[in-house]
């Protein structure tokens, strides 16, 4: 795992170690007899979960970002490695990535370039695409 020092510092400043941050209960194992009543207390019908019960894990993640046209390759690769790869490594995960392109060309697109872009989109298996004279 790669960690950016600046991001790590911000996280440490926000959630000091042992300070009850997100990692304090996410995956921690409570030994039996530790004051939570053990596994029998947690599993007993009609009883509420003990105060030290683990929080529910998120089952879905979503996000959107606008990439600058001049850095779409670099930023897209960074998102693929820092977000997509992390989530796709989880057993049973199913990910969908949607790319949306919105281009405004004040002077219009020459016909030959419009054909090339349309053909490249078709070859890239775009679900939909189009150009319009506004």
N, C-alpha and C. Protein backbone atom coordinates (compact mmCIF):
# COMPACT_ATOMS: atom_id res chain seq x y z
N UNK A 1 0.85 -1.16 0.00
CA UNK A 1 0.00 0.00 0.00
C UNK A 1 0.90 1.23 0.00
N UNK A 2 0.52 2.20 -0.82
CA UNK A 2 1.24 3.47 -0.86
C UNK A 2 0.49 4.49 -0.01
N UNK A 3 1.24 5.25 0.74
CA UNK A 3 0.63 6.27 1.59
C UNK A 3 1.30 7.60 1.28
N UNK A 4 0.49 8.60 1.00
CA UNK A 4 1.03 9.93 0.78
C UNK A 4 1.28 10.57 2.14
N UNK A 5 2.49 11.05 2.39
CA UNK A 5 2.81 11.61 3.70
C UNK A 5 1.86 12.72 4.15
N UNK A 6 1.48 13.61 3.25
CA UNK A 6 0.59 14.72 3.61
C UNK A 6 -0.78 14.23 4.04
N UNK A 7 -1.31 13.23 3.31
CA UNK A 7 -2.62 12.67 3.65
C UNK A 7 -2.54 11.94 4.98
N UNK A 8 -1.46 11.18 5.19
CA UNK A 8 -1.28 10.45 6.45
C UNK A 8 -1.18 11.42 7.63
N UNK A 9 -0.47 12.51 7.46
CA UNK A 9 -0.32 13.49 8.53
C UNK A 9 -1.68 14.09 8.88
N UNK A 10 -2.49 14.44 7.85
CA UNK A 10 -3.82 14.99 8.11
C UNK A 10 -4.67 13.99 8.86
N UNK A 11 -4.59 12.73 8.48
CA UNK A 11 -5.39 11.69 9.13
C UNK A 11 -4.95 11.52 10.58
N UNK A 12 -3.64 11.51 10.82
CA UNK A 12 -3.14 11.36 12.18
C UNK A 12 -3.52 12.55 13.05
N UNK A 13 -3.49 13.75 12.45
CA UNK A 13 -3.88 14.94 13.20
C UNK A 13 -5.37 14.90 13.56
N UNK A 14 -6.18 14.37 12.64
CA UNK A 14 -7.62 14.30 12.85
C UNK A 14 -8.01 13.17 13.79
N UNK A 15 -7.40 11.98 13.61
CA UNK A 15 -7.71 10.78 14.39
C UNK A 15 -6.44 10.25 15.03
N UNK A 16 -6.05 10.76 16.20
CA UNK A 16 -4.82 10.29 16.83
C UNK A 16 -4.90 8.80 17.15
N UNK A 17 -3.76 8.09 17.14
CA UNK A 17 -3.76 6.66 17.44
C UNK A 17 -4.39 6.39 18.80
N UNK A 18 -5.28 5.37 18.83
CA UNK A 18 -5.95 5.03 20.09
C UNK A 18 -7.03 6.02 20.47
N UNK A 19 -7.33 6.98 19.59
CA UNK A 19 -8.29 8.02 19.93
C UNK A 19 -9.69 7.72 19.49
N UNK A 20 -9.98 6.46 19.11
CA UNK A 20 -11.34 6.12 18.75
C UNK A 20 -11.70 6.48 17.34
N UNK A 21 -10.72 6.60 16.44
CA UNK A 21 -10.98 6.88 15.04
C UNK A 21 -11.64 5.70 14.38
N UNK A 22 -11.80 5.74 13.04
CA UNK A 22 -12.51 4.68 12.34
C UNK A 22 -11.88 3.31 12.54
N UNK A 23 -10.58 3.24 12.73
CA UNK A 23 -9.95 1.94 12.85
C UNK A 23 -10.06 1.36 14.26
N UNK A 24 -10.56 2.10 15.21
CA UNK A 24 -10.62 1.63 16.59
C UNK A 24 -11.55 0.45 16.77
N UNK A 25 -12.60 0.35 15.95
CA UNK A 25 -13.52 -0.76 16.12
C UNK A 25 -13.66 -1.59 14.87
N UNK A 26 -13.14 -1.15 13.77
CA UNK A 26 -13.32 -1.84 12.49
C UNK A 26 -12.40 -3.03 12.40
N UNK A 27 -12.84 -4.16 12.84
CA UNK A 27 -12.03 -5.37 12.73
C UNK A 27 -11.36 -5.74 14.03
N UNK A 28 -11.53 -4.95 15.09
CA UNK A 28 -10.92 -5.31 16.36
C UNK A 28 -11.66 -6.49 16.96
N UNK A 29 -10.94 -7.41 17.54
CA UNK A 29 -11.54 -8.60 18.14
C UNK A 29 -11.63 -8.40 19.64
N UNK A 30 -12.82 -8.60 20.18
CA UNK A 30 -13.02 -8.49 21.61
C UNK A 30 -12.86 -9.88 22.22
N UNK A 31 -11.89 -10.08 23.10
CA UNK A 31 -11.77 -11.38 23.73
C UNK A 31 -12.94 -11.62 24.66
N UNK A 32 -13.31 -12.91 24.85
CA UNK A 32 -14.43 -13.18 25.75
C UNK A 32 -14.01 -12.81 27.16
N UNK A 33 -14.97 -12.33 27.91
CA UNK A 33 -14.69 -11.91 29.27
C UNK A 33 -14.08 -10.53 29.33
N UNK A 34 -14.20 -9.74 28.26
CA UNK A 34 -13.58 -8.42 28.25
C UNK A 34 -14.55 -7.33 28.66
N UNK A 35 -15.67 -7.73 29.28
CA UNK A 35 -16.61 -6.72 29.74
C UNK A 35 -17.76 -6.52 28.78
N UNK A 36 -17.77 -7.17 27.62
CA UNK A 36 -18.87 -7.01 26.68
C UNK A 36 -19.84 -8.16 26.77
N UNK A 37 -19.57 -9.14 27.66
CA UNK A 37 -20.48 -10.26 27.80
C UNK A 37 -20.12 -11.41 26.89
N UNK A 38 -19.07 -11.30 26.10
CA UNK A 38 -18.64 -12.38 25.22
C UNK A 38 -19.61 -12.60 24.08
N UNK A 39 -19.38 -13.66 23.31
CA UNK A 39 -20.17 -13.95 22.13
C UNK A 39 -21.61 -14.29 22.49
N UNK A 40 -21.82 -14.96 23.64
CA UNK A 40 -23.18 -15.34 24.02
C UNK A 40 -24.06 -14.12 24.23
N UNK A 41 -23.51 -13.06 24.83
CA UNK A 41 -24.28 -11.84 25.06
C UNK A 41 -24.69 -11.22 23.72
N UNK A 42 -23.78 -11.18 22.76
CA UNK A 42 -24.04 -10.54 21.49
C UNK A 42 -25.08 -11.33 20.70
N UNK A 43 -25.05 -12.66 20.79
CA UNK A 43 -25.92 -13.51 19.97
C UNK A 43 -27.24 -13.82 20.64
N UNK A 44 -27.44 -13.44 21.88
CA UNK A 44 -28.66 -13.79 22.60
C UNK A 44 -29.85 -13.10 21.96
N UNK A 45 -30.93 -13.86 21.70
CA UNK A 45 -32.11 -13.25 21.07
C UNK A 45 -32.75 -12.24 22.01
N UNK A 46 -33.28 -11.17 21.42
CA UNK A 46 -33.98 -10.16 22.20
C UNK A 46 -33.09 -9.19 22.93
N UNK A 47 -31.80 -9.32 22.80
CA UNK A 47 -30.88 -8.39 23.48
C UNK A 47 -30.29 -7.41 22.49
N UNK A 48 -30.04 -6.22 22.99
CA UNK A 48 -29.39 -5.21 22.15
C UNK A 48 -27.91 -5.53 22.05
N UNK A 49 -27.28 -5.04 20.98
CA UNK A 49 -25.85 -5.23 20.80
C UNK A 49 -25.11 -4.49 21.91
N UNK A 50 -24.02 -5.05 22.41
CA UNK A 50 -23.26 -4.38 23.47
C UNK A 50 -22.66 -3.08 22.97
N UNK A 51 -22.29 -2.23 23.92
CA UNK A 51 -21.73 -0.92 23.57
C UNK A 51 -20.49 -1.04 22.70
N UNK A 52 -19.72 -2.10 22.83
CA UNK A 52 -18.50 -2.25 22.05
C UNK A 52 -18.72 -2.96 20.73
N UNK A 53 -19.99 -3.11 20.29
CA UNK A 53 -20.29 -3.83 19.05
C UNK A 53 -19.65 -3.13 17.86
N UNK A 54 -19.25 -3.93 16.90
CA UNK A 54 -18.64 -3.37 15.69
C UNK A 54 -19.69 -2.68 14.84
N UNK A 55 -19.36 -1.54 14.25
CA UNK A 55 -20.32 -0.86 13.39
C UNK A 55 -20.51 -1.64 12.09
N UNK A 56 -21.65 -1.43 11.44
CA UNK A 56 -21.89 -2.07 10.15
C UNK A 56 -20.89 -1.52 9.13
N UNK A 57 -20.41 -2.41 8.28
CA UNK A 57 -19.49 -2.00 7.22
C UNK A 57 -20.28 -1.47 6.02
N UNK A 58 -19.75 -0.47 5.36
CA UNK A 58 -20.42 0.02 4.15
C UNK A 58 -20.47 -1.09 3.10
N UNK A 59 -21.57 -1.18 2.38
CA UNK A 59 -21.75 -2.19 1.35
C UNK A 59 -21.65 -1.59 -0.04
N UNK A 60 -21.56 -0.27 -0.12
CA UNK A 60 -21.52 0.40 -1.42
C UNK A 60 -20.61 1.61 -1.32
N UNK A 61 -19.92 1.88 -2.40
CA UNK A 61 -19.09 3.10 -2.48
C UNK A 61 -19.37 3.74 -3.83
N UNK A 62 -19.46 5.04 -3.85
CA UNK A 62 -19.64 5.75 -5.11
C UNK A 62 -18.87 7.06 -5.04
N UNK A 63 -18.54 7.58 -6.18
CA UNK A 63 -17.84 8.85 -6.23
C UNK A 63 -17.81 9.37 -7.65
N UNK A 64 -17.66 10.64 -7.79
CA UNK A 64 -17.51 11.24 -9.11
C UNK A 64 -16.46 12.34 -9.01
N UNK A 65 -15.82 12.58 -10.12
CA UNK A 65 -14.77 13.59 -10.16
C UNK A 65 -14.71 14.18 -11.57
N UNK A 66 -14.39 15.45 -11.64
CA UNK A 66 -14.18 16.09 -12.93
C UNK A 66 -12.68 16.19 -13.16
N UNK A 67 -12.23 15.61 -14.25
CA UNK A 67 -10.80 15.62 -14.56
C UNK A 67 -10.50 16.74 -15.56
N UNK A 68 -9.37 17.40 -15.38
CA UNK A 68 -8.94 18.39 -16.34
C UNK A 68 -8.50 17.71 -17.63
N UNK A 69 -8.93 18.23 -18.76
CA UNK A 69 -8.64 17.60 -20.06
C UNK A 69 -7.14 17.44 -20.30
N UNK A 70 -6.35 18.34 -19.78
CA UNK A 70 -4.90 18.28 -20.01
C UNK A 70 -4.21 17.21 -19.17
N UNK A 71 -4.90 16.67 -18.16
CA UNK A 71 -4.28 15.67 -17.28
C UNK A 71 -5.14 14.43 -17.11
N UNK A 72 -6.04 14.16 -18.04
CA UNK A 72 -6.98 13.06 -17.89
C UNK A 72 -6.27 11.71 -17.80
N UNK A 73 -5.20 11.51 -18.56
CA UNK A 73 -4.47 10.25 -18.51
C UNK A 73 -3.82 10.02 -17.17
N UNK A 74 -3.12 11.01 -16.68
CA UNK A 74 -2.44 10.90 -15.39
C UNK A 74 -3.43 10.75 -14.24
N UNK A 75 -4.44 11.62 -14.22
CA UNK A 75 -5.41 11.59 -13.12
C UNK A 75 -6.26 10.32 -13.17
N UNK A 76 -6.61 9.88 -14.38
CA UNK A 76 -7.38 8.65 -14.52
C UNK A 76 -6.60 7.45 -14.03
N UNK A 77 -5.31 7.41 -14.35
CA UNK A 77 -4.46 6.31 -13.89
C UNK A 77 -4.32 6.33 -12.36
N UNK A 78 -4.24 7.52 -11.79
CA UNK A 78 -4.14 7.64 -10.34
C UNK A 78 -5.42 7.14 -9.67
N UNK A 79 -6.56 7.49 -10.22
CA UNK A 79 -7.84 7.01 -9.68
C UNK A 79 -7.92 5.49 -9.81
N UNK A 80 -7.47 4.97 -10.95
CA UNK A 80 -7.51 3.51 -11.16
C UNK A 80 -6.66 2.79 -10.12
N UNK A 81 -5.50 3.33 -9.79
CA UNK A 81 -4.62 2.64 -8.84
C UNK A 81 -4.98 2.90 -7.39
N UNK A 82 -5.47 4.08 -7.06
CA UNK A 82 -5.72 4.43 -5.66
C UNK A 82 -7.14 4.15 -5.19
N UNK A 83 -8.07 4.04 -6.10
CA UNK A 83 -9.47 3.80 -5.70
C UNK A 83 -9.97 2.48 -6.30
N UNK A 84 -9.97 2.41 -7.62
CA UNK A 84 -10.53 1.24 -8.29
C UNK A 84 -9.82 -0.05 -7.89
N UNK A 85 -8.51 -0.05 -7.90
CA UNK A 85 -7.75 -1.27 -7.56
C UNK A 85 -8.01 -1.70 -6.13
N UNK A 86 -8.15 -0.75 -5.21
CA UNK A 86 -8.41 -1.09 -3.81
C UNK A 86 -9.77 -1.78 -3.67
N UNK A 87 -10.79 -1.24 -4.32
CA UNK A 87 -12.13 -1.81 -4.21
C UNK A 87 -12.26 -3.12 -4.97
N UNK A 88 -11.63 -3.21 -6.13
CA UNK A 88 -11.75 -4.44 -6.93
C UNK A 88 -11.03 -5.61 -6.28
N UNK A 89 -10.13 -5.34 -5.35
CA UNK A 89 -9.42 -6.40 -4.64
C UNK A 89 -10.25 -7.06 -3.55
N UNK A 90 -11.42 -6.52 -3.24
CA UNK A 90 -12.29 -7.10 -2.22
C UNK A 90 -13.06 -8.28 -2.80
N UNK A 91 -13.08 -9.39 -2.08
CA UNK A 91 -13.77 -10.59 -2.53
C UNK A 91 -15.24 -10.29 -2.76
N UNK A 92 -15.74 -10.66 -3.93
CA UNK A 92 -17.15 -10.48 -4.26
C UNK A 92 -17.52 -9.09 -4.75
N UNK A 93 -16.55 -8.19 -4.87
CA UNK A 93 -16.89 -6.83 -5.31
C UNK A 93 -17.24 -6.82 -6.79
N UNK A 94 -18.14 -5.94 -7.16
CA UNK A 94 -18.52 -5.72 -8.55
C UNK A 94 -18.46 -4.22 -8.79
N UNK A 95 -17.57 -3.80 -9.66
CA UNK A 95 -17.38 -2.37 -9.89
C UNK A 95 -17.83 -1.99 -11.29
N UNK A 96 -18.33 -0.78 -11.41
CA UNK A 96 -18.71 -0.23 -12.69
C UNK A 96 -18.12 1.18 -12.74
N UNK A 97 -17.43 1.48 -13.82
CA UNK A 97 -16.87 2.81 -14.02
C UNK A 97 -17.52 3.40 -15.27
N UNK A 98 -18.01 4.60 -15.17
CA UNK A 98 -18.64 5.27 -16.30
C UNK A 98 -17.80 6.49 -16.65
N UNK A 99 -17.46 6.62 -17.93
CA UNK A 99 -16.72 7.78 -18.40
C UNK A 99 -17.67 8.62 -19.23
N UNK A 100 -17.76 9.89 -18.89
CA UNK A 100 -18.63 10.81 -19.63
C UNK A 100 -17.77 11.94 -20.17
N UNK A 101 -17.91 12.20 -21.45
CA UNK A 101 -17.14 13.27 -22.10
C UNK A 101 -18.13 14.32 -22.58
N UNK A 102 -17.87 15.56 -22.22
CA UNK A 102 -18.71 16.68 -22.64
C UNK A 102 -17.78 17.74 -23.21
N UNK A 103 -17.81 17.89 -24.53
CA UNK A 103 -16.90 18.84 -25.19
C UNK A 103 -17.71 19.95 -25.86
N UNK A 104 -17.28 21.16 -25.63
CA UNK A 104 -17.87 22.31 -26.31
C UNK A 104 -16.79 22.95 -27.17
N UNK A 105 -17.05 23.05 -28.46
CA UNK A 105 -16.08 23.58 -29.41
C UNK A 105 -16.72 24.80 -30.09
N UNK A 106 -16.34 26.01 -29.66
CA UNK A 106 -16.99 27.22 -30.18
C UNK A 106 -16.95 27.35 -31.70
N UNK A 107 -15.85 26.94 -32.33
CA UNK A 107 -15.72 27.08 -33.78
C UNK A 107 -16.21 25.86 -34.54
N UNK A 108 -16.71 24.87 -33.85
CA UNK A 108 -17.23 23.67 -34.50
C UNK A 108 -16.13 22.65 -34.77
N UNK A 109 -16.54 21.40 -34.98
CA UNK A 109 -15.61 20.30 -35.25
C UNK A 109 -15.60 20.04 -36.75
N UNK A 110 -14.41 20.03 -37.36
CA UNK A 110 -14.35 19.71 -38.79
C UNK A 110 -14.93 18.31 -39.05
N UNK A 111 -15.54 18.14 -40.22
CA UNK A 111 -16.23 16.89 -40.54
C UNK A 111 -15.32 15.67 -40.44
N UNK A 112 -14.09 15.76 -40.93
CA UNK A 112 -13.17 14.61 -40.88
C UNK A 112 -12.83 14.24 -39.44
N UNK A 113 -12.65 15.22 -38.57
CA UNK A 113 -12.35 14.95 -37.17
C UNK A 113 -13.58 14.37 -36.46
N UNK A 114 -14.77 14.85 -36.82
CA UNK A 114 -15.99 14.31 -36.25
C UNK A 114 -16.13 12.83 -36.59
N UNK A 115 -15.80 12.45 -37.84
CA UNK A 115 -15.84 11.04 -38.24
C UNK A 115 -14.85 10.21 -37.44
N UNK A 116 -13.63 10.73 -37.25
CA UNK A 116 -12.59 10.01 -36.50
C UNK A 116 -13.02 9.80 -35.05
N UNK A 117 -13.53 10.85 -34.42
CA UNK A 117 -13.95 10.76 -33.02
C UNK A 117 -15.11 9.77 -32.88
N UNK A 118 -16.07 9.83 -33.79
CA UNK A 118 -17.21 8.91 -33.75
C UNK A 118 -16.74 7.48 -33.94
N UNK A 119 -15.85 7.24 -34.89
CA UNK A 119 -15.34 5.88 -35.12
C UNK A 119 -14.52 5.38 -33.93
N UNK A 120 -13.72 6.25 -33.32
CA UNK A 120 -12.95 5.86 -32.14
C UNK A 120 -13.87 5.54 -30.97
N UNK A 121 -14.94 6.29 -30.82
CA UNK A 121 -15.91 6.00 -29.77
C UNK A 121 -16.59 4.66 -30.01
N UNK A 122 -16.92 4.38 -31.28
CA UNK A 122 -17.53 3.10 -31.62
C UNK A 122 -16.56 1.96 -31.32
N UNK A 123 -15.29 2.13 -31.70
CA UNK A 123 -14.27 1.10 -31.45
C UNK A 123 -14.04 0.92 -29.95
N UNK A 124 -14.23 1.97 -29.17
CA UNK A 124 -14.07 1.90 -27.72
C UNK A 124 -15.34 1.42 -27.04
N UNK A 125 -16.33 1.04 -27.82
CA UNK A 125 -17.59 0.48 -27.33
C UNK A 125 -18.37 1.45 -26.45
N UNK A 126 -18.42 2.72 -26.86
CA UNK A 126 -19.24 3.69 -26.16
C UNK A 126 -20.69 3.21 -26.19
N UNK A 127 -21.42 3.36 -25.08
CA UNK A 127 -22.83 3.02 -25.05
C UNK A 127 -23.64 4.02 -25.86
N UNK A 128 -23.24 5.26 -25.80
CA UNK A 128 -23.91 6.31 -26.58
C UNK A 128 -22.90 7.41 -26.86
N UNK A 129 -23.14 8.11 -27.96
CA UNK A 129 -22.30 9.26 -28.32
C UNK A 129 -23.03 10.06 -29.39
N UNK A 130 -22.59 11.26 -29.57
CA UNK A 130 -23.21 12.08 -30.60
C UNK A 130 -22.61 13.45 -30.62
N UNK A 131 -22.85 14.14 -31.71
CA UNK A 131 -22.42 15.53 -31.89
C UNK A 131 -23.64 16.31 -32.31
N UNK A 132 -23.64 17.57 -31.99
CA UNK A 132 -24.78 18.40 -32.36
C UNK A 132 -24.32 19.80 -32.70
N UNK A 133 -25.01 20.40 -33.63
CA UNK A 133 -24.77 21.79 -34.00
C UNK A 133 -25.73 22.64 -33.17
N UNK A 134 -25.18 23.40 -32.26
CA UNK A 134 -26.03 24.17 -31.36
C UNK A 134 -26.13 25.60 -31.83
